[in-house]
C-alpha cells in the first residue's frame, strides 16, 4: 500500500519544477545580419516602405558538429 502524498509535498514539487525550468539555459541560434536594404515610395499622403534584411542563422546543433549544417545540400533544384 502506497503512502498518500500530501499537499505540501505536491506544492514543493511544483515549485521545484518551475525553479528548475527558470534556471535551465535555453540554447540560442547564432544570427548574423549580412545586409539591409530599404526602399520608400510616396503616393499622395501614403508612404510605402519595404525593408529587406538578409541574415545567416546557425542552429545550436550545427555549432556542436551534430550532422551537416546545410539541410538542403543533398537536394538538387
N, C-alpha and C. Protein backbone atom coordinates (compact mmCIF):
# COMPACT_ATOMS: atom_id res chain seq x y z
N UNK A 1 0.84 -1.17 0.00
CA UNK A 1 0.00 0.00 0.00
C UNK A 1 0.89 1.24 0.00
N UNK A 2 0.66 2.14 -0.93
CA UNK A 2 1.50 3.34 -1.04
C UNK A 2 0.97 4.43 -0.11
N UNK A 3 1.92 5.22 0.37
CA UNK A 3 1.54 6.30 1.27
C UNK A 3 0.92 7.44 0.46
N UNK A 4 -0.05 8.12 1.06
CA UNK A 4 -0.72 9.23 0.40
C UNK A 4 0.23 10.43 0.38
N UNK A 5 0.38 11.04 -0.81
CA UNK A 5 1.26 12.21 -0.95
C UNK A 5 0.49 13.44 -0.48
N UNK A 6 1.11 14.22 0.40
CA UNK A 6 0.46 15.39 0.96
C UNK A 6 0.46 16.58 0.02
N UNK A 7 -0.35 17.55 0.37
CA UNK A 7 -0.49 18.77 -0.43
C UNK A 7 0.82 19.55 -0.42
N UNK A 8 1.48 19.64 0.71
CA UNK A 8 2.71 20.41 0.79
C UNK A 8 3.81 19.79 -0.06
N UNK A 9 3.86 18.47 -0.12
CA UNK A 9 4.87 17.82 -0.95
C UNK A 9 4.59 18.10 -2.43
N UNK A 10 3.34 18.02 -2.83
CA UNK A 10 2.97 18.30 -4.21
C UNK A 10 3.28 19.74 -4.58
N UNK A 11 3.01 20.65 -3.66
CA UNK A 11 3.32 22.06 -3.88
C UNK A 11 4.83 22.26 -4.01
N UNK A 12 5.60 21.60 -3.18
CA UNK A 12 7.06 21.69 -3.25
C UNK A 12 7.60 21.15 -4.56
N UNK A 13 7.03 20.05 -5.04
CA UNK A 13 7.45 19.51 -6.32
C UNK A 13 7.14 20.48 -7.46
N UNK A 14 5.96 21.08 -7.44
CA UNK A 14 5.57 22.03 -8.48
C UNK A 14 6.50 23.24 -8.49
N UNK A 15 6.80 23.77 -7.31
CA UNK A 15 7.71 24.91 -7.22
C UNK A 15 9.10 24.51 -7.69
N UNK A 16 9.55 23.33 -7.34
CA UNK A 16 10.86 22.85 -7.78
C UNK A 16 10.96 22.73 -9.29
N UNK A 17 9.90 22.25 -9.92
CA UNK A 17 9.90 22.13 -11.38
C UNK A 17 9.97 23.50 -12.04
N UNK A 18 9.23 24.47 -11.52
CA UNK A 18 9.24 25.81 -12.08
C UNK A 18 10.61 26.47 -11.90
N UNK A 19 11.19 26.34 -10.72
CA UNK A 19 12.51 26.93 -10.45
C UNK A 19 13.56 26.29 -11.36
N UNK A 20 13.49 24.97 -11.54
CA UNK A 20 14.44 24.29 -12.41
C UNK A 20 14.29 24.77 -13.85
N UNK A 21 13.06 24.98 -14.31
CA UNK A 21 12.83 25.47 -15.67
C UNK A 21 13.37 26.88 -15.86
N UNK A 22 13.27 27.71 -14.84
CA UNK A 22 13.77 29.09 -14.93
C UNK A 22 15.29 29.11 -14.98
N UNK A 23 15.94 28.24 -14.24
CA UNK A 23 17.41 28.23 -14.16
C UNK A 23 18.07 27.54 -15.35
N UNK A 24 17.36 26.72 -16.09
CA UNK A 24 17.94 25.99 -17.21
C UNK A 24 18.16 26.94 -18.38
N UNK A 25 19.40 27.01 -18.91
CA UNK A 25 19.66 27.91 -20.03
C UNK A 25 19.00 27.40 -21.31
N UNK A 26 18.55 28.33 -22.14
CA UNK A 26 17.90 28.00 -23.40
C UNK A 26 18.93 28.16 -24.51
N UNK A 27 19.12 27.12 -25.36
CA UNK A 27 20.08 27.28 -26.45
C UNK A 27 19.59 28.32 -27.46
N UNK A 28 20.48 29.19 -27.87
CA UNK A 28 20.15 30.27 -28.79
C UNK A 28 20.85 30.03 -30.13
N UNK A 29 20.18 30.41 -31.21
CA UNK A 29 20.78 30.33 -32.52
C UNK A 29 21.67 31.55 -32.73
N UNK A 30 22.75 31.36 -33.50
CA UNK A 30 23.64 32.47 -33.81
C UNK A 30 23.13 33.13 -35.09
N UNK A 31 22.82 34.43 -35.02
CA UNK A 31 22.27 35.17 -36.15
C UNK A 31 23.24 36.28 -36.53
N UNK A 32 23.61 36.33 -37.82
CA UNK A 32 24.49 37.37 -38.33
C UNK A 32 23.75 38.07 -39.47
N UNK A 33 23.61 39.38 -39.34
CA UNK A 33 22.95 40.16 -40.39
C UNK A 33 23.97 40.46 -41.49
N UNK A 34 23.63 40.09 -42.72
CA UNK A 34 24.53 40.26 -43.86
C UNK A 34 24.29 41.61 -44.52
N UNK A 35 23.04 41.93 -44.82
CA UNK A 35 22.75 43.21 -45.44
C UNK A 35 21.33 43.64 -45.11
N UNK A 36 21.10 44.95 -45.25
CA UNK A 36 19.78 45.52 -45.01
C UNK A 36 19.55 46.60 -46.06
N UNK A 37 18.46 46.45 -46.80
CA UNK A 37 18.12 47.45 -47.81
C UNK A 37 16.72 47.98 -47.54
N UNK A 38 16.53 49.25 -47.81
CA UNK A 38 15.24 49.88 -47.58
C UNK A 38 14.84 50.70 -48.79
N UNK A 39 13.57 50.57 -49.18
CA UNK A 39 13.03 51.35 -50.29
C UNK A 39 11.79 52.07 -49.81
N UNK A 40 11.67 53.34 -50.16
CA UNK A 40 10.50 54.12 -49.79
C UNK A 40 9.90 54.75 -51.03
N UNK A 41 8.59 54.81 -51.03
CA UNK A 41 7.88 55.44 -52.15
C UNK A 41 6.71 56.22 -51.57
N UNK A 42 6.56 57.45 -52.03
CA UNK A 42 5.48 58.32 -51.53
C UNK A 42 4.38 58.40 -52.58
N UNK A 43 3.15 58.04 -52.18
CA UNK A 43 1.97 58.14 -53.05
C UNK A 43 0.92 58.98 -52.34
N UNK A 44 0.73 60.17 -52.83
CA UNK A 44 -0.20 61.13 -52.22
C UNK A 44 0.15 61.32 -50.74
N UNK A 45 -0.73 60.93 -49.85
CA UNK A 45 -0.46 61.11 -48.41
C UNK A 45 -0.07 59.79 -47.74
N UNK A 46 0.36 58.79 -48.54
CA UNK A 46 0.74 57.49 -48.01
C UNK A 46 2.20 57.21 -48.39
N UNK A 47 2.98 56.74 -47.43
CA UNK A 47 4.36 56.35 -47.69
C UNK A 47 4.44 54.83 -47.65
N UNK A 48 4.93 54.23 -48.74
CA UNK A 48 5.15 52.79 -48.80
C UNK A 48 6.63 52.53 -48.55
N UNK A 49 6.93 51.65 -47.62
CA UNK A 49 8.31 51.37 -47.27
C UNK A 49 8.53 49.86 -47.26
N UNK A 50 9.59 49.41 -47.92
CA UNK A 50 9.95 48.00 -47.92
C UNK A 50 11.36 47.87 -47.38
N UNK A 51 11.53 47.01 -46.38
CA UNK A 51 12.84 46.75 -45.80
C UNK A 51 13.15 45.26 -45.94
N UNK A 52 14.30 44.95 -46.52
CA UNK A 52 14.73 43.57 -46.70
C UNK A 52 15.97 43.35 -45.86
N UNK A 53 15.93 42.32 -45.00
CA UNK A 53 17.06 42.00 -44.14
C UNK A 53 17.54 40.60 -44.50
N UNK A 54 18.80 40.49 -44.92
CA UNK A 54 19.42 39.20 -45.21
C UNK A 54 20.22 38.77 -44.00
N UNK A 55 19.94 37.56 -43.51
CA UNK A 55 20.62 37.05 -42.31
C UNK A 55 21.12 35.63 -42.55
N UNK A 56 22.14 35.26 -41.80
CA UNK A 56 22.62 33.89 -41.74
C UNK A 56 22.32 33.39 -40.34
N UNK A 57 21.68 32.22 -40.23
CA UNK A 57 21.31 31.66 -38.93
C UNK A 57 21.95 30.30 -38.79
N UNK A 58 22.77 30.14 -37.74
CA UNK A 58 23.35 28.85 -37.41
C UNK A 58 22.57 28.26 -36.26
N UNK A 59 22.06 27.05 -36.44
CA UNK A 59 21.34 26.35 -35.37
C UNK A 59 22.35 25.87 -34.34
N UNK A 60 21.90 25.75 -33.09
CA UNK A 60 22.77 25.33 -31.99
C UNK A 60 23.35 23.94 -32.25
N UNK A 61 22.56 23.00 -32.78
CA UNK A 61 23.03 21.65 -33.02
C UNK A 61 24.11 21.62 -34.11
N UNK A 62 24.03 22.53 -35.08
CA UNK A 62 25.03 22.59 -36.13
C UNK A 62 26.36 23.10 -35.59
N UNK A 63 26.33 23.98 -34.58
CA UNK A 63 27.55 24.50 -33.99
C UNK A 63 28.28 23.42 -33.20
N UNK A 64 27.55 22.43 -32.69
CA UNK A 64 28.17 21.37 -31.90
C UNK A 64 28.70 20.25 -32.78
N UNK A 65 28.52 20.38 -34.11
CA UNK A 65 29.05 19.38 -35.01
C UNK A 65 28.16 18.16 -35.17
N UNK A 66 26.90 18.26 -34.84
CA UNK A 66 25.98 17.14 -34.96
C UNK A 66 25.35 17.15 -36.34
N UNK A 67 26.03 16.58 -37.33
CA UNK A 67 25.47 16.49 -38.66
C UNK A 67 25.85 17.67 -39.53
N UNK A 68 25.25 17.70 -40.71
CA UNK A 68 25.53 18.75 -41.69
C UNK A 68 24.81 20.03 -41.31
N UNK A 69 25.46 21.16 -41.53
CA UNK A 69 24.83 22.44 -41.22
C UNK A 69 23.88 22.87 -42.32
N UNK A 70 23.94 22.25 -43.51
CA UNK A 70 23.06 22.59 -44.62
C UNK A 70 22.11 21.44 -44.85
N UNK A 71 20.85 21.61 -44.48
CA UNK A 71 19.88 20.52 -44.60
C UNK A 71 19.46 20.29 -46.04
N UNK A 72 19.75 21.23 -46.95
CA UNK A 72 19.33 21.10 -48.34
C UNK A 72 20.50 20.70 -49.25
N UNK A 73 21.61 20.28 -48.71
CA UNK A 73 22.78 20.00 -49.52
C UNK A 73 22.59 18.77 -50.40
N UNK A 74 21.73 17.84 -50.03
CA UNK A 74 21.54 16.63 -50.83
C UNK A 74 20.47 16.79 -51.89
N UNK A 75 19.75 17.91 -51.87
CA UNK A 75 18.68 18.13 -52.84
C UNK A 75 19.21 18.97 -53.99
N UNK A 76 18.71 18.65 -55.19
CA UNK A 76 19.10 19.43 -56.36
C UNK A 76 17.89 20.17 -56.90
N UNK A 77 18.12 21.35 -57.43
CA UNK A 77 17.00 22.16 -57.94
C UNK A 77 16.68 21.81 -59.37
